[in-house]
C-alpha cells in the first residue's frame, strides 16, 4: 500500500500540479493507516 501511495503521489505531482508538501502529507497518512493493520496482523493487544 505504501508503494502504491508513492506512485500515486509522484503521478499527481507530475500531472496534476500538486505541491510536494501535499504529496508528502498524503504519503505519511497512508503510512499511518498501514501501521495499525500490521500490528493487528501481528496480534498486538495494545
C-alpha atoms as a PDB file:
ATOM      1  CA  UNK A   1       0.000   0.000   0.000  1.00  0.00           C
ATOM      2  CA  UNK A   2       2.820   2.400   0.823  1.00  0.00           C
ATOM      3  CA  UNK A   3       4.490   1.848  -2.569  1.00  0.00           C
ATOM      4  CA  UNK A   4       1.169   2.447  -4.274  1.00  0.00           C
ATOM      5  CA  UNK A   5       0.802   5.707  -2.390  1.00  0.00           C
ATOM      6  CA  UNK A   6       4.281   6.768  -3.511  1.00  0.00           C
ATOM      7  CA  UNK A   7       3.428   6.009  -7.144  1.00  0.00           C
ATOM      8  CA  UNK A   8       0.138   7.871  -6.851  1.00  0.00           C
ATOM      9  CA  UNK A   9       1.781  10.914  -5.313  1.00  0.00           C
ATOM     10  CA  UNK A  10       4.561  11.021  -7.931  1.00  0.00           C
ATOM     11  CA  UNK A  11       1.959  10.779 -10.673  1.00  0.00           C
ATOM     12  CA  UNK A  12      -0.100  13.523  -9.073  1.00  0.00           C
ATOM     13  CA  UNK A  13       2.930  15.794  -8.711  1.00  0.00           C
ATOM     14  CA  UNK A  14       3.854  15.351 -12.356  1.00  0.00           C
ATOM     15  CA  UNK A  15       0.381  15.565 -13.901  1.00  0.00           C
ATOM     16  CA  UNK A  16      -1.982  17.419 -11.568  1.00  0.00           C
ATOM     17  CA  UNK A  17       0.432  20.096 -10.315  1.00  0.00           C
ATOM     18  CA  UNK A  18       0.140  19.012  -6.685  1.00  0.00           C
ATOM     19  CA  UNK A  19       2.797  20.587  -4.498  1.00  0.00           C
ATOM     20  CA  UNK A  20       5.400  18.305  -2.926  1.00  0.00           C
ATOM     21  CA  UNK A  21       4.425  19.033   0.724  1.00  0.00           C
ATOM     22  CA  UNK A  22       0.847  17.990  -0.042  1.00  0.00           C
ATOM     23  CA  UNK A  23       2.098  14.748  -1.570  1.00  0.00           C
ATOM     24  CA  UNK A  24       4.305  14.077   1.453  1.00  0.00           C
ATOM     25  CA  UNK A  25       1.333  14.516   3.796  1.00  0.00           C
ATOM     26  CA  UNK A  26      -0.652  12.066   1.659  1.00  0.00           C
ATOM     27  CA  UNK A  27       2.138   9.504   1.779  1.00  0.00           C
ATOM     28  CA  UNK A  28       2.625   9.825   5.533  1.00  0.00           C
ATOM     29  CA  UNK A  29      -1.127   9.438   6.041  1.00  0.00           C
ATOM     30  CA  UNK A  30      -1.051   6.147   4.172  1.00  0.00           C
ATOM     31  CA  UNK A  31       1.843   5.025   6.386  1.00  0.00           C
ATOM     32  CA  UNK A  32      -0.234   5.810   9.461  1.00  0.00           C
ATOM     33  CA  UNK A  33      -3.016   3.653   8.021  1.00  0.00           C
ATOM     34  CA  UNK A  34      -0.667   0.744   7.289  1.00  0.00           C
ATOM     35  CA  UNK A  35       0.855   0.640  10.802  1.00  0.00           C
ATOM     36  CA  UNK A  36      -2.306  -0.438  12.690  1.00  0.00           C
ATOM     37  CA  UNK A  37      -3.024  -3.061  10.040  1.00  0.00           C
ATOM     38  CA  UNK A  38       0.445  -4.536  10.562  1.00  0.00           C
ATOM     39  CA  UNK A  39       0.029  -4.507  14.327  1.00  0.00           C
ATOM     40  CA  UNK A  40      -3.343  -6.229  14.006  1.00  0.00           C
ATOM     41  CA  UNK A  41      -1.768  -8.939  11.851  1.00  0.00           C
ATOM     42  CA  UNK A  42       0.924  -9.436  14.473  1.00  0.00           C
ATOM     43  CA  UNK A  43      -1.702  -9.825  17.181  1.00  0.00           C
ATOM     44  CA  UNK A  44      -0.729  -6.736  19.181  1.00  0.00           C
ATOM     45  CA  UNK A  45      -3.206  -6.117  22.022  1.00  0.00           C
ATOM     46  CA  UNK A  46      -2.119  -2.599  22.978  1.00  0.00           C
END
